[in-house]
C-alpha atoms as a PDB file:
ATOM      1  CA  GLY A   1       0.009  -0.087   0.107  1.00  0.00           C
ATOM      2  CA  ARG A   2       1.027   3.531  -0.353  1.00  0.00           C
ATOM      3  CA  LEU A   3       0.248   6.824   1.467  1.00  0.00           C
ATOM      4  CA  THR A   4      -0.521  10.167   0.049  1.00  0.00           C
ATOM      5  CA  ALA A   5       2.007  13.022   1.128  1.00  0.00           C
ATOM      6  CA  THR A   6       2.765  16.384   0.050  1.00  0.00           C
ATOM      7  CA  VAL A   7       6.466  16.942  -0.594  1.00  0.00           C
ATOM      8  CA  CYS A   8       7.817  19.523   1.504  1.00  0.00           C
ATOM      9  CA  PHE A   9      11.634  19.035   1.509  1.00  0.00           C
ATOM     10  CA  ALA A  10      14.464  17.442  -0.566  1.00  0.00           C
ATOM     11  CA  GLY A  11      17.981  17.308   0.068  1.00  0.00           C
ATOM     12  CA  GLU A  12      20.898  16.397   2.473  1.00  0.00           C
ATOM     13  CA  THR A  13      19.982  16.465   6.174  1.00  0.00           C
ATOM     14  CA  ASP A  14      22.409  16.540   9.211  1.00  0.00           C
ATOM     15  CA  PHE A  15      20.757  13.612  10.866  1.00  0.00           C
ATOM     16  CA  ALA A  16      21.915  10.948   7.982  1.00  0.00           C
ATOM     17  CA  SER A  17      24.119  11.252   5.080  1.00  0.00           C
ATOM     18  CA  GLY A  18      22.456  10.972   1.469  1.00  0.00           C
ATOM     19  CA  LEU A  19      19.430  12.676   0.013  1.00  0.00           C
ATOM     20  CA  TRP A  20      16.038  12.730   1.826  1.00  0.00           C
ATOM     21  CA  VAL A  21      12.703  13.519   0.872  1.00  0.00           C
ATOM     22  CA  GLY A  22      10.818  15.404   3.714  1.00  0.00           C
ATOM     23  CA  VAL A  23       7.047  14.551   3.113  1.00  0.00           C
ATOM     24  CA  ALA A  24       3.535  15.594   4.784  1.00  0.00           C
ATOM     25  CA  LEU A  25       1.297  12.885   5.077  1.00  0.00           C
ATOM     26  CA  GLU A  26      -2.290  13.304   4.713  1.00  0.00           C
ATOM     27  CA  LYS A  27      -3.035  11.104   8.121  1.00  0.00           C
ATOM     28  CA  PRO A  28      -1.078  11.209  11.415  1.00  0.00           C
ATOM     29  CA  LEU A  29       1.168   8.224  10.516  1.00  0.00           C
ATOM     30  CA  GLY A  30       4.394  10.172  10.376  1.00  0.00           C
ATOM     31  CA  LYS A  31       7.208  10.378  13.008  1.00  0.00           C
ATOM     32  CA  ASN A  32       7.703  14.059  13.449  1.00  0.00           C
ATOM     33  CA  ASP A  33       6.335  17.773  12.154  1.00  0.00           C
ATOM     34  CA  GLY A  34       9.458  18.412  10.113  1.00  0.00           C
ATOM     35  CA  PHE A  35      11.591  19.279  13.178  1.00  0.00           C
ATOM     36  CA  VAL A  36      14.143  16.737  13.647  1.00  0.00           C
ATOM     37  CA  ASN A  37      17.125  16.577  16.170  1.00  0.00           C
ATOM     38  CA  GLY A  38      17.111  20.578  16.715  1.00  0.00           C
ATOM     39  CA  LYS A  39      16.738  21.447  12.940  1.00  0.00           C
ATOM     40  CA  ARG A  40      13.566  22.612  11.179  1.00  0.00           C
ATOM     41  CA  TYR A  41      13.432  21.159   7.739  1.00  0.00           C
ATOM     42  CA  PHE A  42       9.541  21.700   7.043  1.00  0.00           C
ATOM     43  CA  GLN A  43       6.495  22.721   8.839  1.00  0.00           C
ATOM     44  CA  CYS A  44       3.704  20.392   9.009  1.00  0.00           C
ATOM     45  CA  GLU A  45       0.672  18.775  11.633  1.00  0.00           C
ATOM     46  CA  PRO A  46       2.561  16.876  14.389  1.00  0.00           C
ATOM     47  CA  GLN A  47       2.862  13.095  13.573  1.00  0.00           C
ATOM     48  CA  HIS A  48       2.338  13.955   9.729  1.00  0.00           C
ATOM     49  CA  GLY A  49       6.090  14.547   9.072  1.00  0.00           C
ATOM     50  CA  LEU A  50       8.413  11.676   7.533  1.00  0.00           C
ATOM     51  CA  PHE A  51      11.648  11.811   5.764  1.00  0.00           C
ATOM     52  CA  VAL A  52      12.207   9.084   3.471  1.00  0.00           C
ATOM     53  CA  ARG A  53      14.842   8.218   0.557  1.00  0.00           C
ATOM     54  CA  PRO A  54      13.845   9.490  -2.925  1.00  0.00           C
ATOM     55  CA  ASN A  55      13.030   6.000  -4.416  1.00  0.00           C
ATOM     56  CA  GLY A  56      10.364   5.676  -1.797  1.00  0.00           C
ATOM     57  CA  CYS A  57       8.147   8.434  -3.419  1.00  0.00           C
ATOM     58  CA  LEU A  58       6.181   8.173  -6.575  1.00  0.00           C
ATOM     59  CA  PRO A  59       4.902  11.455  -8.099  1.00  0.00           C
ATOM     60  CA  LEU A  60       0.826  11.309  -8.328  1.00  0.00           C
ATOM     61  CA  ASP A  61       1.144  13.262 -11.505  1.00  0.00           C
ATOM     62  CA  PRO A  62       3.114  11.209 -14.132  1.00  0.00           C
ATOM     63  CA  LEU A  63       4.448  14.271 -15.852  1.00  0.00           C
ATOM     64  CA  GLU A  64       6.330  15.371 -12.671  1.00  0.00           C
ATOM     65  CA  GLU A  65       9.405  14.061 -11.199  1.00  0.00           C
ATOM     66  CA  PHE A  66      11.877  14.150  -8.603  1.00  0.00           C
ATOM     67  CA  ARG A  67      15.188  15.542 -10.291  1.00  0.00           C
ATOM     68  CA  GLU A  68      18.419  17.393  -9.702  1.00  0.00           C
ATOM     69  CA  ASP A  69      18.293  20.926 -11.193  1.00  0.00           C
ATOM     70  CA  GLY A  70      21.798  21.987 -10.267  1.00  0.00           C
ATOM     71  CA  PRO A  71      24.024  21.319  -7.207  1.00  0.00           C
ATOM     72  CA  GLY A  72      21.911  21.232  -4.239  1.00  0.00           C
ATOM     73  CA  GLU A  73      18.526  22.183  -6.133  1.00  0.00           C
ATOM     74  CA  TYR A  74      15.893  19.727  -6.390  1.00  0.00           C
ATOM     75  CA  ARG A  75      12.636  20.059  -8.285  1.00  0.00           C
ATOM     76  CA  LEU A  76       9.849  18.592  -6.264  1.00  0.00           C
ATOM     77  CA  ALA A  77       6.633  16.929  -7.299  1.00  0.00           C
ATOM     78  CA  THR A  78       3.874  18.642  -5.446  1.00  0.00           C
ATOM     79  CA  GLN A  79       2.236  15.517  -4.325  1.00  0.00           C
ATOM     80  CA  ALA A  80       3.529  11.936  -4.017  1.00  0.00           C
ATOM     81  CA  LYS A  81       2.584   8.287  -2.866  1.00  0.00           C
ATOM     82  CA  VAL A  82       5.026   7.039  -0.270  1.00  0.00           C
ATOM     83  CA  THR A  83       5.400   3.303  -0.101  1.00  0.00           C
ATOM     84  CA  GLU A  84       5.195   1.275   3.215  1.00  0.00           C
ATOM     85  CA  ALA A  85       8.607   0.072   2.595  1.00  0.00           C
ATOM     86  CA  ALA A  86       9.864   3.592   2.552  1.00  0.00           C
ATOM     87  CA  VAL A  87       7.868   4.407   5.964  1.00  0.00           C
ATOM     88  CA  ALA A  88       9.217   1.387   7.400  1.00  0.00           C
ATOM     89  CA  GLY A  89      12.646   2.423   6.435  1.00  0.00           C
ATOM     90  CA  SER A  90      12.401   5.970   7.917  1.00  0.00           C
ATOM     91  CA  PRO A  91      14.951   6.571  10.470  1.00  0.00           C
ATOM     92  CA  GLN A  92      13.228   6.553  14.074  1.00  0.00           C
ATOM     93  CA  LEU A  93      14.455   9.995  14.999  1.00  0.00           C
ATOM     94  CA  ALA A  94      14.020  12.018  18.125  1.00  0.00           C
ATOM     95  CA  GLU A  95      12.052  15.171  18.293  1.00  0.00           C
ATOM     96  CA  LEU A  96      14.051  18.019  20.209  1.00  0.00           C
END
């Protein structure tokens, strides 16, 4: 199954290496509100935020895509489906 989410952030984070996509889920099934380990990456309702790897997000509109436009710049699909595997693999991070 998949969850519908709005993409709010894409890029590198301080909590883990590599690229991450921060999403706001439609339902309170997330792990944060976009604030992780003392840093605000995006804002959403409590327990609606989630960070997943880019391959865990699929754009709802097939004409949209996640792509790197330049060093550190990413074009975001406005809404995406998040796979359950991506949710399960999302890091457990304390909100400080």
